[in-house]
Amino acid sequence: MNRGNHDYTLKQLGLARRGQQTVFKTQARQVLVSIKAPITRRVRTETLSPVPPWSNFPSFISVDAPCRTAYHGQETANEAMMQEDLNAKYSGFTQIFTDGSKLSSGSTAASLFVPSLAQAVGWKLKPAHTVLGAELFGIHQALTFANKHPALHNKDIVILSDSQSALHLLKNIWNFNYRHIVYDIQKLASQRQQVSKVCFQWIRGHSDTAA
């Protein structure tokens, strides 16, 4: 809204025009510095998903088991069956396993593993992260890893996660929870889909997954 040169509303309310510092903001910052409190950096979050409503992006995300809905018998046989199902459904795709965890001590971490490259990467996160936040971080890093690694350039990839909650968030273009990282994942995946296929697949917990 445009205000005239003689409009003193902002001054009377102790507010500032865009680009100007208020006395309150300056004093508040000084207090935070004096008590050595961290100054929170405001991060701009998109209000709309980068995925348009008419996109078929959600169809590339599967929250069901790859093929056979249940595995029975010995653990080794279960692992072999699951890997067989993945290979059949995603023939020619590079598989990237992701995971996120949080211990009762508060220790939080995320990781990824690419069997075809025999390469694993892990990240220790701040205790403030939730398990779901760690799972989403792992998925985000998997896309970033695939985009930067020369061996995966223009390769079809499938990101395998044991978090159905994380995948449900990615399928939804109207998110209110974890919006910043979810929209960033959707953006990275949509951009990569311009040159290759990107799929997301739910699998059982990685403790039951063959390396």
N, C-alpha and C. Protein backbone atom coordinates (compact mmCIF):
# COMPACT_ATOMS: atom_id res chain seq x y z
N MET A 1 0.84 -1.18 0.00
CA MET A 1 0.00 0.00 0.00
C MET A 1 0.88 1.24 0.00
N ASN A 2 0.60 2.19 -0.87
CA ASN A 2 1.37 3.42 -0.94
C ASN A 2 0.87 4.43 0.08
N ARG A 3 1.80 5.06 0.77
CA ARG A 3 1.46 6.06 1.76
C ARG A 3 2.07 7.40 1.37
N GLY A 4 1.39 8.48 1.68
CA GLY A 4 1.89 9.82 1.36
C GLY A 4 3.07 10.19 2.21
N ASN A 5 3.74 11.27 1.81
CA ASN A 5 4.93 11.70 2.54
C ASN A 5 4.60 12.18 3.95
N HIS A 6 3.35 12.56 4.19
CA HIS A 6 2.97 13.09 5.49
C HIS A 6 2.18 12.08 6.32
N ASP A 7 2.26 10.82 5.94
CA ASP A 7 1.58 9.76 6.68
C ASP A 7 2.56 9.23 7.73
N TYR A 8 2.24 9.45 9.00
CA TYR A 8 3.14 9.06 10.09
C TYR A 8 2.67 7.81 10.83
N THR A 9 1.82 7.02 10.18
CA THR A 9 1.27 5.83 10.83
C THR A 9 2.38 4.86 11.25
N LEU A 10 3.30 4.58 10.33
CA LEU A 10 4.38 3.64 10.64
C LEU A 10 5.22 4.13 11.80
N LYS A 11 5.51 5.42 11.82
CA LYS A 11 6.33 5.98 12.89
C LYS A 11 5.63 5.89 14.23
N GLN A 12 4.32 6.20 14.24
CA GLN A 12 3.56 6.17 15.49
C GLN A 12 3.45 4.75 16.04
N LEU A 13 3.41 3.76 15.16
CA LEU A 13 3.31 2.36 15.59
C LEU A 13 4.67 1.74 15.86
N GLY A 14 5.72 2.50 15.63
CA GLY A 14 7.06 1.97 15.87
C GLY A 14 7.49 0.97 14.83
N LEU A 15 6.92 1.05 13.63
CA LEU A 15 7.25 0.13 12.56
C LEU A 15 8.19 0.80 11.57
N ALA A 16 8.67 0.04 10.63
CA ALA A 16 9.59 0.59 9.64
C ALA A 16 9.11 0.24 8.24
N ARG A 17 9.51 1.06 7.30
CA ARG A 17 9.23 0.74 5.91
C ARG A 17 10.15 -0.39 5.48
N ARG A 18 9.82 -1.04 4.35
CA ARG A 18 10.60 -2.15 3.87
C ARG A 18 12.06 -1.72 3.67
N GLY A 19 12.97 -2.55 4.17
CA GLY A 19 14.38 -2.24 4.04
C GLY A 19 14.95 -1.44 5.19
N GLN A 20 14.09 -0.98 6.11
CA GLN A 20 14.56 -0.19 7.24
C GLN A 20 14.52 -1.04 8.53
N GLN A 21 15.40 -0.72 9.46
CA GLN A 21 15.46 -1.40 10.75
C GLN A 21 14.58 -0.67 11.77
N THR A 22 13.83 -1.40 12.55
CA THR A 22 13.07 -0.79 13.63
C THR A 22 13.93 -0.75 14.89
N VAL A 23 13.59 0.15 15.81
CA VAL A 23 14.31 0.24 17.07
C VAL A 23 14.16 -1.08 17.83
N PHE A 24 12.95 -1.63 17.80
CA PHE A 24 12.71 -2.90 18.50
C PHE A 24 13.57 -4.01 17.93
N LYS A 25 13.65 -4.11 16.61
CA LYS A 25 14.42 -5.17 15.98
C LYS A 25 15.90 -5.05 16.33
N THR A 26 16.40 -3.80 16.32
CA THR A 26 17.80 -3.57 16.66
C THR A 26 18.08 -3.95 18.11
N GLN A 27 17.20 -3.53 19.02
CA GLN A 27 17.39 -3.84 20.43
C GLN A 27 17.27 -5.33 20.70
N ALA A 28 16.33 -5.97 20.04
CA ALA A 28 16.14 -7.41 20.22
C ALA A 28 17.39 -8.17 19.79
N ARG A 29 17.97 -7.77 18.67
CA ARG A 29 19.18 -8.41 18.19
C ARG A 29 20.34 -8.21 19.17
N GLN A 30 20.43 -7.02 19.75
CA GLN A 30 21.48 -6.73 20.72
C GLN A 30 21.35 -7.61 21.96
N VAL A 31 20.10 -7.82 22.40
CA VAL A 31 19.86 -8.67 23.57
C VAL A 31 20.26 -10.10 23.27
N LEU A 32 19.91 -10.60 22.11
CA LEU A 32 20.27 -11.97 21.74
C LEU A 32 21.78 -12.15 21.69
N VAL A 33 22.47 -11.15 21.17
CA VAL A 33 23.92 -11.22 21.09
C VAL A 33 24.53 -11.19 22.48
N SER A 34 23.96 -10.36 23.36
CA SER A 34 24.52 -10.22 24.71
C SER A 34 24.40 -11.50 25.54
N ILE A 35 23.36 -12.27 25.30
CA ILE A 35 23.19 -13.52 26.05
C ILE A 35 23.68 -14.73 25.25
N LYS A 36 24.32 -14.44 24.11
CA LYS A 36 24.90 -15.47 23.24
C LYS A 36 23.87 -16.48 22.75
N ALA A 37 22.67 -15.97 22.50
CA ALA A 37 21.62 -16.83 21.96
C ALA A 37 21.72 -16.85 20.44
N PRO A 38 21.49 -18.01 19.82
CA PRO A 38 21.57 -18.07 18.36
C PRO A 38 20.47 -17.22 17.71
N ILE A 39 20.84 -16.48 16.71
CA ILE A 39 19.88 -15.65 15.99
C ILE A 39 19.29 -16.49 14.87
N THR A 40 18.00 -16.70 14.93
CA THR A 40 17.33 -17.53 13.94
C THR A 40 17.32 -16.84 12.58
N ARG A 41 17.75 -17.57 11.59
CA ARG A 41 17.74 -17.05 10.23
C ARG A 41 16.43 -17.40 9.55
N ARG A 42 15.73 -16.40 9.09
CA ARG A 42 14.44 -16.65 8.46
C ARG A 42 14.65 -17.24 7.07
N VAL A 43 14.01 -18.38 6.83
CA VAL A 43 14.13 -19.07 5.55
C VAL A 43 12.81 -18.97 4.81
N ARG A 44 12.88 -18.51 3.60
CA ARG A 44 11.67 -18.37 2.79
C ARG A 44 11.18 -19.75 2.36
N THR A 45 9.92 -20.03 2.62
CA THR A 45 9.32 -21.30 2.25
C THR A 45 8.24 -21.08 1.20
N GLU A 46 8.31 -21.85 0.14
CA GLU A 46 7.30 -21.74 -0.90
C GLU A 46 5.93 -22.13 -0.34
N THR A 47 4.92 -21.42 -0.77
CA THR A 47 3.56 -21.72 -0.31
C THR A 47 2.86 -22.72 -1.22
N LEU A 48 3.42 -22.92 -2.41
CA LEU A 48 2.84 -23.87 -3.36
C LEU A 48 3.89 -24.86 -3.81
N SER A 49 3.48 -26.09 -4.03
CA SER A 49 4.39 -27.11 -4.51
C SER A 49 4.86 -26.77 -5.92
N PRO A 50 6.12 -27.10 -6.25
CA PRO A 50 6.60 -26.90 -7.61
C PRO A 50 5.97 -27.86 -8.60
N VAL A 51 5.27 -28.86 -8.07
CA VAL A 51 4.59 -29.84 -8.94
C VAL A 51 3.19 -29.34 -9.25
N PRO A 52 2.85 -29.10 -10.52
CA PRO A 52 1.51 -28.62 -10.86
C PRO A 52 0.45 -29.69 -10.61
N PRO A 53 -0.79 -29.30 -10.35
CA PRO A 53 -1.86 -30.27 -10.03
C PRO A 53 -2.10 -31.30 -11.12
N TRP A 54 -1.82 -30.95 -12.37
CA TRP A 54 -2.08 -31.87 -13.47
C TRP A 54 -0.92 -32.84 -13.73
N SER A 55 0.17 -32.70 -12.96
CA SER A 55 1.34 -33.55 -13.16
C SER A 55 1.05 -34.98 -12.72
N ASN A 56 1.71 -35.94 -13.38
CA ASN A 56 1.59 -37.34 -12.97
C ASN A 56 2.71 -37.73 -12.01
N PHE A 57 3.34 -36.76 -11.40
CA PHE A 57 4.45 -37.01 -10.46
C PHE A 57 4.06 -38.01 -9.37
N PRO A 58 2.89 -37.89 -8.73
CA PRO A 58 2.53 -38.84 -7.66
C PRO A 58 2.52 -40.30 -8.11
N SER A 59 2.32 -40.54 -9.41
CA SER A 59 2.25 -41.92 -9.89
C SER A 59 3.61 -42.61 -9.85
N PHE A 60 4.68 -41.84 -9.70
CA PHE A 60 6.02 -42.42 -9.62
C PHE A 60 6.41 -42.77 -8.19
N ILE A 61 5.47 -42.59 -7.26
CA ILE A 61 5.74 -42.88 -5.85
C ILE A 61 4.85 -44.03 -5.42
N SER A 62 5.45 -45.13 -5.02
CA SER A 62 4.70 -46.31 -4.61
C SER A 62 4.88 -46.54 -3.11
N VAL A 63 3.76 -46.57 -2.39
CA VAL A 63 3.81 -46.80 -0.94
C VAL A 63 3.40 -48.23 -0.59
N ASP A 64 3.29 -49.07 -1.61
CA ASP A 64 2.96 -50.48 -1.40
C ASP A 64 4.21 -51.32 -1.66
N ALA A 65 4.17 -52.57 -1.21
CA ALA A 65 5.30 -53.48 -1.43
C ALA A 65 5.53 -53.64 -2.93
N PRO A 66 6.78 -53.86 -3.35
CA PRO A 66 7.12 -53.94 -4.78
C PRO A 66 6.24 -54.88 -5.58
N CYS A 67 6.07 -56.10 -5.14
CA CYS A 67 5.22 -57.06 -5.86
C CYS A 67 4.47 -57.93 -4.87
N ARG A 68 5.13 -58.89 -4.30
CA ARG A 68 4.51 -59.75 -3.32
C ARG A 68 4.32 -58.98 -2.02
N THR A 69 3.12 -58.95 -1.52
CA THR A 69 2.79 -58.09 -0.38
C THR A 69 3.34 -58.60 0.93
N ALA A 70 3.70 -59.87 1.00
CA ALA A 70 4.22 -60.41 2.26
C ALA A 70 5.28 -61.44 1.95
N TYR A 71 6.22 -61.54 2.85
CA TYR A 71 7.28 -62.51 2.72
C TYR A 71 7.25 -63.42 3.95
N HIS A 72 7.42 -64.69 3.69
CA HIS A 72 7.36 -65.65 4.78
C HIS A 72 8.60 -66.54 4.74
N GLY A 73 8.86 -67.18 5.84
CA GLY A 73 9.99 -68.09 5.88
C GLY A 73 11.23 -67.45 6.45
N GLN A 74 12.38 -67.96 6.06
CA GLN A 74 13.64 -67.50 6.62
C GLN A 74 13.99 -66.10 6.11
N GLU A 75 14.74 -65.40 6.96
CA GLU A 75 15.09 -64.01 6.63
C GLU A 75 15.88 -63.92 5.33
N THR A 76 16.81 -64.84 5.10
CA THR A 76 17.62 -64.82 3.88
C THR A 76 16.75 -64.97 2.65
N ALA A 77 15.75 -65.85 2.73
CA ALA A 77 14.83 -66.04 1.61
C ALA A 77 14.00 -64.79 1.38
N ASN A 78 13.58 -64.13 2.46
CA ASN A 78 12.81 -62.89 2.33
C ASN A 78 13.61 -61.82 1.61
N GLU A 79 14.88 -61.70 1.97
CA GLU A 79 15.73 -60.71 1.35
C GLU A 79 15.87 -60.97 -0.14
N ALA A 80 16.07 -62.20 -0.50
CA ALA A 80 16.25 -62.57 -1.90
C ALA A 80 14.98 -62.30 -2.70
N MET A 81 13.83 -62.63 -2.11
CA MET A 81 12.56 -62.40 -2.79
C MET A 81 12.31 -60.92 -3.01
N MET A 82 12.58 -60.11 -1.99
CA MET A 82 12.36 -58.68 -2.13
C MET A 82 13.26 -58.09 -3.20
N GLN A 83 14.54 -58.50 -3.20
CA GLN A 83 15.47 -57.98 -4.20
C GLN A 83 15.06 -58.42 -5.60
N GLU A 84 14.56 -59.62 -5.71
CA GLU A 84 14.08 -60.13 -7.00
C GLU A 84 12.90 -59.29 -7.50
N ASP A 85 12.00 -58.95 -6.58
CA ASP A 85 10.85 -58.12 -6.95
C ASP A 85 11.28 -56.73 -7.40
N LEU A 86 12.24 -56.16 -6.68
CA LEU A 86 12.73 -54.83 -7.03
C LEU A 86 13.40 -54.85 -8.41
N ASN A 87 14.20 -55.86 -8.66
CA ASN A 87 14.89 -55.96 -9.94
C ASN A 87 13.91 -56.11 -11.10
N ALA A 88 12.82 -56.83 -10.83
CA ALA A 88 11.82 -57.04 -11.89
C ALA A 88 11.03 -55.76 -12.16
N LYS A 89 10.63 -55.07 -11.10
CA LYS A 89 9.81 -53.85 -11.26
C LYS A 89 10.62 -52.69 -11.79
N TYR A 90 11.88 -52.62 -11.39
CA TYR A 90 12.73 -51.48 -11.77
C TYR A 90 13.95 -51.95 -12.55
N SER A 91 13.70 -52.71 -13.58
CA SER A 91 14.78 -53.23 -14.43
C SER A 91 15.52 -52.06 -15.09
N GLY A 92 16.83 -52.03 -14.94
CA GLY A 92 17.64 -50.98 -15.55
C GLY A 92 17.79 -49.74 -14.68
N PHE A 93 17.10 -49.70 -13.53
CA PHE A 93 17.20 -48.55 -12.62
C PHE A 93 18.36 -48.74 -11.65
N THR A 94 19.00 -47.63 -11.30
CA THR A 94 19.98 -47.65 -10.22
C THR A 94 19.25 -47.51 -8.90
N GLN A 95 19.47 -48.44 -8.00
CA GLN A 95 18.77 -48.44 -6.71
C GLN A 95 19.56 -47.64 -5.67
N ILE A 96 18.85 -46.74 -4.98
CA ILE A 96 19.46 -45.97 -3.90
C ILE A 96 18.62 -46.16 -2.64
N PHE A 97 19.20 -46.81 -1.63
CA PHE A 97 18.51 -47.03 -0.37
C PHE A 97 18.75 -45.84 0.55
N THR A 98 17.70 -45.37 1.20
CA THR A 98 17.84 -44.26 2.15
C THR A 98 17.25 -44.66 3.49
N ASP A 99 17.72 -44.00 4.53
CA ASP A 99 17.22 -44.31 5.86
C ASP A 99 17.42 -43.11 6.78
N GLY A 100 16.59 -43.04 7.82
CA GLY A 100 16.72 -42.03 8.85
C GLY A 100 16.44 -42.67 10.19
N SER A 101 17.13 -42.23 11.22
CA SER A 101 16.94 -42.85 12.54
C SER A 101 17.14 -41.84 13.65
N LYS A 102 16.54 -42.15 14.80
CA LYS A 102 16.69 -41.30 15.99
C LYS A 102 16.70 -42.22 17.20
N LEU A 103 17.76 -42.14 18.00
CA LEU A 103 17.88 -42.96 19.19
C LEU A 103 17.24 -42.28 20.39
N SER A 104 16.99 -43.06 21.44
CA SER A 104 16.40 -42.49 22.65
C SER A 104 17.31 -41.43 23.28
N SER A 105 18.60 -41.50 22.97
CA SER A 105 19.55 -40.52 23.49
C SER A 105 19.43 -39.18 22.78
N GLY A 106 18.67 -39.18 21.65
CA GLY A 106 18.51 -37.95 20.87
C GLY A 106 19.39 -37.93 19.64
N SER A 107 20.32 -38.86 19.54
CA SER A 107 21.20 -38.94 18.38
C SER A 107 20.38 -39.22 17.12
N THR A 108 20.55 -38.37 16.12
CA THR A 108 19.75 -38.47 14.90
C THR A 108 20.67 -38.53 13.69
N ALA A 109 20.33 -39.37 12.72
CA ALA A 109 21.20 -39.54 11.56
C ALA A 109 20.38 -39.92 10.33
N ALA A 110 21.00 -39.73 9.18
CA ALA A 110 20.41 -40.14 7.90
C ALA A 110 21.52 -40.76 7.07
N SER A 111 21.14 -41.62 6.14
CA SER A 111 22.15 -42.28 5.33
C SER A 111 21.58 -42.71 3.99
N LEU A 112 22.49 -43.03 3.06
CA LEU A 112 22.09 -43.60 1.78
C LEU A 112 23.11 -44.66 1.39
N PHE A 113 22.67 -45.60 0.56
CA PHE A 113 23.54 -46.67 0.10
C PHE A 113 23.20 -46.99 -1.35
N VAL A 114 24.24 -47.02 -2.19
CA VAL A 114 24.06 -47.34 -3.61
C VAL A 114 24.80 -48.64 -3.88
N PRO A 115 24.09 -49.77 -3.95
CA PRO A 115 24.75 -51.07 -4.14
C PRO A 115 25.61 -51.15 -5.39
N SER A 116 25.15 -50.59 -6.50
CA SER A 116 25.89 -50.69 -7.76
C SER A 116 27.22 -49.97 -7.71
N LEU A 117 27.33 -48.98 -6.83
CA LEU A 117 28.58 -48.23 -6.68
C LEU A 117 29.35 -48.67 -5.44
N ALA A 118 28.74 -49.57 -4.64
CA ALA A 118 29.33 -49.99 -3.37
C ALA A 118 29.71 -48.77 -2.53
N GLN A 119 28.80 -47.82 -2.49
CA GLN A 119 29.10 -46.56 -1.80
C GLN A 119 27.97 -46.22 -0.82
N ALA A 120 28.37 -45.86 0.40
CA ALA A 120 27.43 -45.45 1.43
C ALA A 120 27.87 -44.10 2.00
N VAL A 121 26.88 -43.27 2.35
CA VAL A 121 27.17 -41.96 2.92
C VAL A 121 26.21 -41.74 4.10
N GLY A 122 26.71 -41.17 5.17
CA GLY A 122 25.87 -40.91 6.33
C GLY A 122 26.04 -39.49 6.83
N TRP A 123 25.03 -38.98 7.52
CA TRP A 123 25.04 -37.63 8.06
C TRP A 123 24.52 -37.67 9.49
N LYS A 124 25.23 -37.02 10.38
CA LYS A 124 24.74 -36.85 11.74
C LYS A 124 23.97 -35.54 11.80
N LEU A 125 22.71 -35.61 12.24
CA LEU A 125 21.84 -34.44 12.25
C LEU A 125 21.68 -33.89 13.67
N LYS A 126 21.15 -32.72 13.75
CA LYS A 126 20.90 -32.11 15.05
C LYS A 126 19.78 -32.87 15.77
N PRO A 127 19.84 -32.97 17.09
CA PRO A 127 18.82 -33.70 17.85
C PRO A 127 17.40 -33.16 17.64
N ALA A 128 17.30 -31.91 17.19
CA ALA A 128 15.97 -31.33 16.97
C ALA A 128 15.22 -32.01 15.83
N HIS A 129 15.94 -32.70 14.96
CA HIS A 129 15.30 -33.40 13.85
C HIS A 129 14.46 -34.56 14.37
N THR A 130 13.30 -34.75 13.77
CA THR A 130 12.47 -35.91 14.07
C THR A 130 12.91 -37.08 13.19
N VAL A 131 12.37 -38.27 13.47
CA VAL A 131 12.66 -39.42 12.63
C VAL A 131 12.19 -39.16 11.20
N LEU A 132 10.98 -38.60 11.07
CA LEU A 132 10.45 -38.32 9.74
C LEU A 132 11.31 -37.27 9.03
N GLY A 133 11.76 -36.29 9.78
CA GLY A 133 12.64 -35.28 9.20
C GLY A 133 13.93 -35.90 8.69
N ALA A 134 14.46 -36.87 9.45
CA ALA A 134 15.69 -37.56 9.05
C ALA A 134 15.46 -38.41 7.79
N GLU A 135 14.30 -39.05 7.72
CA GLU A 135 13.97 -39.85 6.53
C GLU A 135 13.89 -38.96 5.29
N LEU A 136 13.25 -37.81 5.42
CA LEU A 136 13.13 -36.87 4.30
C LEU A 136 14.50 -36.32 3.91
N PHE A 137 15.35 -36.07 4.91
CA PHE A 137 16.69 -35.59 4.63
C PHE A 137 17.47 -36.62 3.81
N GLY A 138 17.34 -37.89 4.18
CA GLY A 138 18.02 -38.95 3.43
C GLY A 138 17.56 -39.01 1.98
N ILE A 139 16.26 -38.86 1.76
CA ILE A 139 15.72 -38.87 0.39
C ILE A 139 16.24 -37.67 -0.40
N HIS A 140 16.25 -36.51 0.26
CA HIS A 140 16.75 -35.29 -0.39
C HIS A 140 18.22 -35.47 -0.79
N GLN A 141 19.01 -36.05 0.11
CA GLN A 141 20.43 -36.24 -0.18
C GLN A 141 20.65 -37.28 -1.28
N ALA A 142 19.75 -38.25 -1.38
CA ALA A 142 19.86 -39.25 -2.44
C ALA A 142 19.70 -38.60 -3.81
N LEU A 143 18.74 -37.70 -3.92
CA LEU A 143 18.56 -36.98 -5.19
C LEU A 143 19.76 -36.09 -5.49
N THR A 144 20.25 -35.40 -4.47
CA THR A 144 21.42 -34.54 -4.65
C THR A 144 22.63 -35.36 -5.07
N PHE A 145 22.81 -36.51 -4.44
CA PHE A 145 23.91 -37.42 -4.75
C PHE A 145 23.82 -37.88 -6.20
N ALA A 146 22.62 -38.29 -6.63
CA ALA A 146 22.43 -38.79 -8.00
C ALA A 146 22.69 -37.69 -9.03
N ASN A 147 22.32 -36.46 -8.69
CA ASN A 147 22.52 -35.36 -9.64
C ASN A 147 23.98 -34.97 -9.78
N LYS A 148 24.78 -35.22 -8.75
CA LYS A 148 26.18 -34.80 -8.77
C LYS A 148 27.15 -35.91 -9.18
N HIS A 149 26.75 -37.17 -8.98
CA HIS A 149 27.68 -38.26 -9.26
C HIS A 149 27.76 -38.52 -10.77
N PRO A 150 28.95 -38.49 -11.34
CA PRO A 150 29.08 -38.67 -12.80
C PRO A 150 28.58 -40.03 -13.30
N ALA A 151 28.69 -41.06 -12.47
CA ALA A 151 28.25 -42.39 -12.90
C ALA A 151 26.72 -42.49 -12.97
N LEU A 152 26.02 -41.56 -12.34
CA LEU A 152 24.56 -41.61 -12.33
C LEU A 152 23.94 -40.54 -13.22
N HIS A 153 24.76 -39.85 -13.97
CA HIS A 153 24.26 -38.80 -14.86
C HIS A 153 23.31 -39.40 -15.89
N ASN A 154 22.10 -38.87 -15.95
CA ASN A 154 21.06 -39.30 -16.90
C ASN A 154 20.62 -40.76 -16.70
N LYS A 155 20.97 -41.34 -15.56
CA LYS A 155 20.55 -42.71 -15.27
C LYS A 155 19.17 -42.71 -14.61
N ASP A 156 18.35 -43.71 -14.93
CA ASP A 156 17.08 -43.88 -14.22
C ASP A 156 17.39 -44.35 -12.80
N ILE A 157 16.74 -43.74 -11.82
CA ILE A 157 17.00 -44.12 -10.43
C ILE A 157 15.69 -44.41 -9.70
N VAL A 158 15.78 -45.29 -8.72
CA VAL A 158 14.66 -45.53 -7.83
C VAL A 158 15.18 -45.37 -6.40
N ILE A 159 14.53 -44.51 -5.65
CA ILE A 159 14.91 -44.27 -4.26
C ILE A 159 14.05 -45.14 -3.37
N LEU A 160 14.70 -45.95 -2.57
CA LEU A 160 14.01 -46.95 -1.75
C LEU A 160 14.03 -46.50 -0.30
N SER A 161 12.85 -46.33 0.27
CA SER A 161 12.71 -45.84 1.64
C SER A 161 11.77 -46.75 2.42
N ASP A 162 12.06 -46.91 3.70
CA ASP A 162 11.16 -47.71 4.55
C ASP A 162 10.17 -46.82 5.30
N SER A 163 10.07 -45.55 4.90
CA SER A 163 9.15 -44.62 5.57
C SER A 163 7.96 -44.32 4.66
N GLN A 164 6.83 -44.97 4.94
CA GLN A 164 5.62 -44.68 4.18
C GLN A 164 5.15 -43.25 4.43
N SER A 165 5.37 -42.75 5.65
CA SER A 165 4.95 -41.39 5.97
C SER A 165 5.65 -40.38 5.09
N ALA A 166 6.95 -40.57 4.89
CA ALA A 166 7.72 -39.65 4.04
C ALA A 166 7.22 -39.70 2.60
N LEU A 167 6.95 -40.89 2.10
CA LEU A 167 6.49 -41.03 0.71
C LEU A 167 5.09 -40.47 0.53
N HIS A 168 4.24 -40.61 1.53
CA HIS A 168 2.90 -40.01 1.45
C HIS A 168 3.00 -38.49 1.36
N LEU A 169 3.94 -37.90 2.11
CA LEU A 169 4.13 -36.46 2.04
C LEU A 169 4.57 -36.04 0.63
N LEU A 170 5.44 -36.84 0.01
CA LEU A 170 5.91 -36.51 -1.33
C LEU A 170 4.81 -36.63 -2.38
N LYS A 171 3.87 -37.54 -2.17
CA LYS A 171 2.76 -37.71 -3.11
C LYS A 171 1.79 -36.54 -3.06
N ASN A 172 1.76 -35.86 -1.92
CA ASN A 172 0.78 -34.78 -1.71
C ASN A 172 1.39 -33.44 -2.12
N ILE A 173 0.74 -32.73 -3.03
CA ILE A 173 1.25 -31.42 -3.47
C ILE A 173 0.69 -30.29 -2.61
N TRP A 174 -0.16 -30.62 -1.64
CA TRP A 174 -0.71 -29.59 -0.74
C TRP A 174 -0.25 -29.90 0.68
N ASN A 175 1.00 -29.66 0.94
CA ASN A 175 1.57 -30.03 2.24
C ASN A 175 1.59 -28.87 3.22
N PHE A 176 1.38 -29.20 4.49
CA PHE A 176 1.52 -28.23 5.56
C PHE A 176 2.66 -28.63 6.50
N ASN A 177 2.98 -29.92 6.52
CA ASN A 177 4.06 -30.42 7.37
C ASN A 177 5.32 -30.64 6.55
N TYR A 178 6.46 -30.24 7.09
CA TYR A 178 7.75 -30.42 6.43
C TYR A 178 7.75 -29.84 5.01
N ARG A 179 7.02 -28.75 4.86
CA ARG A 179 6.78 -28.21 3.52
C ARG A 179 8.07 -27.82 2.80
N HIS A 180 9.01 -27.22 3.53
CA HIS A 180 10.22 -26.73 2.89
C HIS A 180 11.01 -27.85 2.23
N ILE A 181 11.31 -28.92 2.97
CA ILE A 181 12.11 -30.00 2.40
C ILE A 181 11.31 -30.85 1.43
N VAL A 182 10.01 -31.03 1.68
CA VAL A 182 9.17 -31.80 0.76
C VAL A 182 9.11 -31.13 -0.60
N TYR A 183 8.87 -29.83 -0.62
CA TYR A 183 8.80 -29.10 -1.89
C TYR A 183 10.15 -29.11 -2.60
N ASP A 184 11.24 -29.08 -1.82
CA ASP A 184 12.57 -29.11 -2.43
C ASP A 184 12.83 -30.46 -3.07
N ILE A 185 12.39 -31.54 -2.41
CA ILE A 185 12.53 -32.88 -2.99
C ILE A 185 11.71 -32.98 -4.27
N GLN A 186 10.47 -32.49 -4.23
CA GLN A 186 9.61 -32.52 -5.41
C GLN A 186 10.24 -31.74 -6.56
N LYS A 187 10.87 -30.62 -6.24
CA LYS A 187 11.51 -29.80 -7.27
C LYS A 187 12.70 -30.53 -7.89
N LEU A 188 13.56 -31.12 -7.05
CA LEU A 188 14.72 -31.84 -7.55
C LEU A 188 14.29 -33.03 -8.42
N ALA A 189 13.28 -33.77 -7.96
CA ALA A 189 12.81 -34.93 -8.72
C ALA A 189 12.20 -34.51 -10.05
N SER A 190 11.41 -33.45 -10.05
CA SER A 190 10.77 -32.97 -11.28
C SER A 190 11.82 -32.51 -12.29
N GLN A 191 12.86 -31.86 -11.81
CA GLN A 191 13.92 -31.40 -12.70
C GLN A 191 14.67 -32.58 -13.30
N ARG A 192 14.95 -33.59 -12.49
CA ARG A 192 15.67 -34.75 -13.01
C ARG A 192 14.82 -35.54 -14.00
N GLN A 193 13.51 -35.53 -13.79
CA GLN A 193 12.63 -36.27 -14.68
C GLN A 193 12.59 -35.68 -16.09
N GLN A 194 13.21 -34.53 -16.26
CA GLN A 194 13.30 -33.97 -17.61
C GLN A 194 14.29 -34.75 -18.47
N VAL A 195 15.22 -35.47 -17.84
CA VAL A 195 16.26 -36.19 -18.59
C VAL A 195 16.28 -37.69 -18.28
N SER A 196 15.68 -38.10 -17.16
CA SER A 196 15.66 -39.52 -16.82
C SER A 196 14.50 -39.80 -15.88
N LYS A 197 14.27 -41.07 -15.60
CA LYS A 197 13.17 -41.45 -14.74
C LYS A 197 13.60 -41.44 -13.27
N VAL A 198 12.69 -40.99 -12.42
CA VAL A 198 12.91 -40.99 -10.98
C VAL A 198 11.69 -41.61 -10.32
N CYS A 199 11.88 -42.68 -9.58
CA CYS A 199 10.79 -43.32 -8.87
C CYS A 199 11.13 -43.42 -7.38
N PHE A 200 10.08 -43.53 -6.58
CA PHE A 200 10.23 -43.70 -5.14
C PHE A 200 9.45 -44.95 -4.75
N GLN A 201 10.07 -45.81 -3.99
CA GLN A 201 9.45 -47.08 -3.64
C GLN A 201 9.58 -47.36 -2.16
N TRP A 202 8.46 -47.72 -1.53
CA TRP A 202 8.51 -48.16 -0.14
C TRP A 202 8.97 -49.60 -0.07
N ILE A 203 9.82 -49.90 0.92
CA ILE A 203 10.25 -51.27 1.17
C ILE A 203 10.20 -51.50 2.68
N ARG A 204 10.34 -52.76 3.07
CA ARG A 204 10.40 -53.08 4.49
C ARG A 204 11.66 -52.47 5.11
N GLY A 205 11.70 -52.44 6.45
CA GLY A 205 12.84 -51.87 7.14
C GLY A 205 14.16 -52.40 6.62
N HIS A 206 15.15 -51.51 6.53
CA HIS A 206 16.42 -51.88 5.92
C HIS A 206 17.19 -52.93 6.71
N SER A 207 16.80 -53.15 7.95
CA SER A 207 17.46 -54.21 8.73
C SER A 207 17.18 -55.56 8.12
N ASP A 208 16.10 -55.63 7.31
CA ASP A 208 15.75 -56.88 6.65
C ASP A 208 16.11 -56.86 5.17
N THR A 209 16.95 -55.89 4.78
CA THR A 209 17.27 -55.72 3.37
C THR A 209 18.67 -56.22 3.07
N ALA A 210 18.79 -56.94 2.01
CA ALA A 210 20.12 -57.41 1.63
C ALA A 210 20.96 -56.25 1.15
N ALA A 211 22.23 -56.25 1.51
CA ALA A 211 23.13 -55.16 1.11
C ALA A 211 23.48 -55.30 -0.37
